[in-house]
N, C-alpha and C. Protein backbone atom coordinates (compact mmCIF):
# COMPACT_ATOMS: atom_id res chain seq x y z
N ASP A 1 18.38 5.31 8.89
CA ASP A 1 16.71 5.75 8.86
C ASP A 1 15.94 4.84 8.03
N THR A 2 14.58 5.23 7.88
CA THR A 2 13.31 4.09 7.35
C THR A 2 13.07 5.47 6.73
N PHE A 3 12.24 4.71 5.01
CA PHE A 3 11.19 5.86 4.71
C PHE A 3 10.13 4.43 4.68
N VAL A 4 9.56 4.97 5.07
CA VAL A 4 8.28 4.61 5.29
C VAL A 4 6.50 4.98 3.96
N LEU A 5 6.45 4.23 3.17
CA LEU A 5 5.04 4.99 2.16
C LEU A 5 4.23 4.53 2.92
N ASP A 6 3.40 5.30 2.93
CA ASP A 6 2.18 6.01 3.86
C ASP A 6 0.51 5.54 2.93
N ASP A 7 -0.36 6.12 3.49
CA ASP A 7 -1.73 5.40 2.79
C ASP A 7 -1.84 5.65 1.34
N GLY A 8 -2.85 4.84 0.96
CA GLY A 8 -2.87 5.12 -0.86
C GLY A 8 -2.11 4.37 -1.93
N TRP A 9 -1.52 3.80 -0.90
CA TRP A 9 -0.06 2.98 -2.30
C TRP A 9 -1.06 1.01 -2.76
N PHE A 10 -2.20 0.92 -1.81
CA PHE A 10 -3.05 -0.17 -1.90
C PHE A 10 -4.16 0.01 -2.81
N GLY A 11 -4.60 -1.44 -3.23
CA GLY A 11 -5.68 -1.48 -3.43
C GLY A 11 -6.36 -0.77 -4.61
N HIS A 12 -8.19 0.00 -4.39
CA HIS A 12 -7.99 1.25 -5.50
C HIS A 12 -8.42 2.21 -4.30
N ARG A 13 -7.37 2.54 -3.39
CA ARG A 13 -7.53 3.55 -2.67
C ARG A 13 -7.10 5.13 -3.66
N ASP A 14 -8.61 5.87 -3.51
CA ASP A 14 -8.17 7.08 -4.59
C ASP A 14 -9.33 8.04 -3.27
N ASN A 15 -9.79 7.67 -1.97
CA ASN A 15 -9.97 8.96 -1.04
C ASN A 15 -9.89 8.04 0.39
N ASP A 16 -10.07 9.07 1.18
CA ASP A 16 -9.71 8.38 2.81
C ASP A 16 -10.43 6.99 3.63
N ARG A 17 -11.15 6.42 2.51
CA ARG A 17 -12.86 6.08 2.83
C ARG A 17 -12.53 4.60 2.72
N SER A 18 -11.45 4.42 1.07
CA SER A 18 -12.26 3.22 0.15
C SER A 18 -10.80 2.30 0.38
N SER A 19 -11.09 0.68 -0.01
CA SER A 19 -10.49 0.20 -0.26
C SER A 19 -9.48 -0.88 1.24
N LEU A 20 -9.64 -0.31 2.31
CA LEU A 20 -8.84 -0.88 3.30
C LEU A 20 -9.38 -2.36 3.73
N GLY A 21 -7.86 -2.94 3.50
CA GLY A 21 -8.33 -4.87 3.58
C GLY A 21 -7.78 -5.09 2.06
N ASP A 22 -7.85 -4.14 1.02
CA ASP A 22 -7.56 -4.74 0.00
C ASP A 22 -5.19 -3.82 0.10
N TRP A 23 -4.92 -5.46 0.93
CA TRP A 23 -3.19 -4.82 1.02
C TRP A 23 -2.65 -5.62 -0.34
N PHE A 24 -2.79 -5.01 -1.92
CA PHE A 24 -2.26 -5.47 -2.67
C PHE A 24 -2.02 -4.05 -3.34
N VAL A 25 -0.60 -3.92 -3.80
CA VAL A 25 -0.53 -2.91 -4.72
C VAL A 25 -1.42 -2.46 -5.95
N ASN A 26 -1.55 -1.16 -5.87
CA ASN A 26 -2.16 -0.07 -7.37
C ASN A 26 -0.98 -0.40 -8.30
N THR A 27 -1.57 -0.64 -8.69
CA THR A 27 -0.69 -0.57 -10.28
C THR A 27 -0.48 0.72 -10.77
N LYS A 28 -1.94 1.20 -10.86
CA LYS A 28 -1.77 2.20 -11.40
C LYS A 28 -0.88 3.47 -10.93
N LYS A 29 -0.77 3.35 -9.49
CA LYS A 29 0.18 4.34 -9.05
C LYS A 29 1.74 4.00 -8.75
N LEU A 30 1.86 2.74 -8.69
CA LEU A 30 3.37 1.86 -8.71
C LEU A 30 3.15 1.24 -9.85
N PRO A 31 2.78 1.35 -11.01
CA PRO A 31 3.06 0.06 -12.17
C PRO A 31 3.89 -0.78 -12.32
N HIS A 32 5.25 -0.65 -11.45
CA HIS A 32 6.52 -1.73 -11.52
C HIS A 32 6.29 -2.21 -9.94
N GLY A 33 5.82 -2.11 -9.17
CA GLY A 33 5.00 -2.69 -7.40
C GLY A 33 6.35 -1.87 -6.70
N LEU A 34 6.00 -2.77 -5.84
CA LEU A 34 7.41 -1.87 -4.68
C LEU A 34 8.26 -2.27 -5.04
N ASP A 35 8.97 -2.85 -5.53
CA ASP A 35 10.73 -3.55 -6.01
C ASP A 35 11.38 -2.65 -5.85
N PRO A 36 11.48 -1.96 -7.14
CA PRO A 36 12.13 -0.41 -7.41
C PRO A 36 12.18 0.48 -6.63
N LEU A 37 11.22 0.40 -6.00
CA LEU A 37 11.27 1.79 -4.83
C LEU A 37 11.68 1.16 -3.34
N ILE A 38 11.53 -0.12 -3.18
CA ILE A 38 12.33 -1.21 -1.72
C ILE A 38 13.97 -0.45 -2.14
N GLU A 39 13.83 -1.15 -3.95
CA GLU A 39 15.56 -1.12 -3.54
C GLU A 39 16.09 0.40 -3.79
N ARG A 40 15.78 1.57 -4.29
CA ARG A 40 16.22 2.90 -4.43
C ARG A 40 16.45 3.02 -2.73
N CYS A 41 15.59 2.86 -1.72
CA CYS A 41 15.60 2.61 -0.95
C CYS A 41 16.86 2.44 0.37
N GLU A 42 17.56 0.73 -0.06
CA GLU A 42 18.40 0.10 -0.06
C GLU A 42 19.62 0.39 -0.42
N LYS A 43 19.68 0.94 -1.46
CA LYS A 43 20.70 1.57 -2.20
C LYS A 43 21.29 2.98 -1.00
N ARG A 44 20.75 3.43 -0.80
CA ARG A 44 20.61 5.09 -0.05
C ARG A 44 20.86 4.55 1.48
N GLY A 45 20.85 2.78 1.88
CA GLY A 45 21.24 2.44 3.13
C GLY A 45 19.85 2.91 4.26
N MET A 46 18.77 2.80 3.70
CA MET A 46 17.14 2.84 4.35
C MET A 46 16.93 1.59 4.14
N LYS A 47 15.79 1.64 5.64
CA LYS A 47 15.22 0.56 5.25
C LYS A 47 13.89 1.27 5.14
N PHE A 48 12.67 0.08 4.49
CA PHE A 48 11.89 0.78 3.87
C PHE A 48 10.35 -0.10 4.60
N GLY A 49 9.80 0.38 5.03
CA GLY A 49 8.44 0.86 6.22
C GLY A 49 6.86 1.03 4.89
N LEU A 50 5.86 -0.04 5.27
CA LEU A 50 5.21 -0.19 4.26
C LEU A 50 4.31 0.09 5.54
N TRP A 51 2.74 1.50 5.17
CA TRP A 51 2.01 1.64 6.07
C TRP A 51 0.50 0.74 5.47
N LEU A 52 -0.26 0.02 6.78
CA LEU A 52 -1.28 -0.05 6.34
C LEU A 52 -2.34 -0.37 7.91
N GLU A 53 -2.86 -1.12 7.78
CA GLU A 53 -4.06 -0.76 8.85
C GLU A 53 -4.87 -1.50 8.92
N PRO A 54 -4.12 -3.26 9.36
CA PRO A 54 -4.80 -4.53 9.72
C PRO A 54 -6.25 -4.45 10.43
N GLU A 55 -6.55 -3.54 11.30
CA GLU A 55 -7.96 -3.68 11.90
C GLU A 55 -8.83 -2.87 10.98
N MET A 56 -8.93 -2.48 9.68
CA MET A 56 -9.85 -2.06 9.53
C MET A 56 -10.24 -2.90 7.86
N ILE A 57 -11.46 -2.54 8.32
CA ILE A 57 -11.67 -3.10 5.94
C ILE A 57 -12.67 -2.29 6.03
N SER A 58 -12.41 -1.70 4.49
CA SER A 58 -13.99 -0.58 3.94
C SER A 58 -15.00 -1.56 3.41
N GLU A 59 -16.63 -0.87 3.82
CA GLU A 59 -17.88 -1.77 2.91
C GLU A 59 -16.69 -2.10 1.44
N ASP A 60 -16.75 -1.31 0.68
CA ASP A 60 -16.20 -1.21 -0.24
C ASP A 60 -14.97 -2.18 -1.06
N SER A 61 -13.91 -2.47 -0.46
CA SER A 61 -12.91 -3.71 -0.49
C SER A 61 -13.72 -4.35 -1.24
N GLU A 62 -12.63 -5.55 -1.85
CA GLU A 62 -12.49 -6.65 -2.36
C GLU A 62 -12.78 -7.87 -1.06
N LEU A 63 -12.05 -7.67 0.14
CA LEU A 63 -11.81 -8.18 1.32
C LEU A 63 -13.21 -8.31 1.60
N TYR A 64 -14.23 -7.64 2.06
CA TYR A 64 -14.93 -7.31 2.82
C TYR A 64 -16.35 -7.88 1.56
N ALA A 65 -16.24 -7.81 0.48
CA ALA A 65 -17.16 -8.46 -0.44
C ALA A 65 -17.09 -9.75 -0.85
N ALA A 66 -15.72 -10.55 -0.58
CA ALA A 66 -15.46 -12.18 -0.58
C ALA A 66 -16.38 -12.55 0.68
N HIS A 67 -16.08 -11.79 1.94
CA HIS A 67 -16.80 -12.19 2.72
C HIS A 67 -17.59 -11.53 3.66
């Protein structure tokens, strides 16, 4: 089995149009990062997957502003 963490884990993602391209953990939502979640999956014999959309970028993202 695989657990896939879906949309919303990254950047400042608070709606479906923001932060695409900012592929860093939102510490307000996951204050300890991904490691505890990954460890829980592994303890249960599950693989961990992470959703991202590399072909998209939001105009309000830090990546967009930097380039």
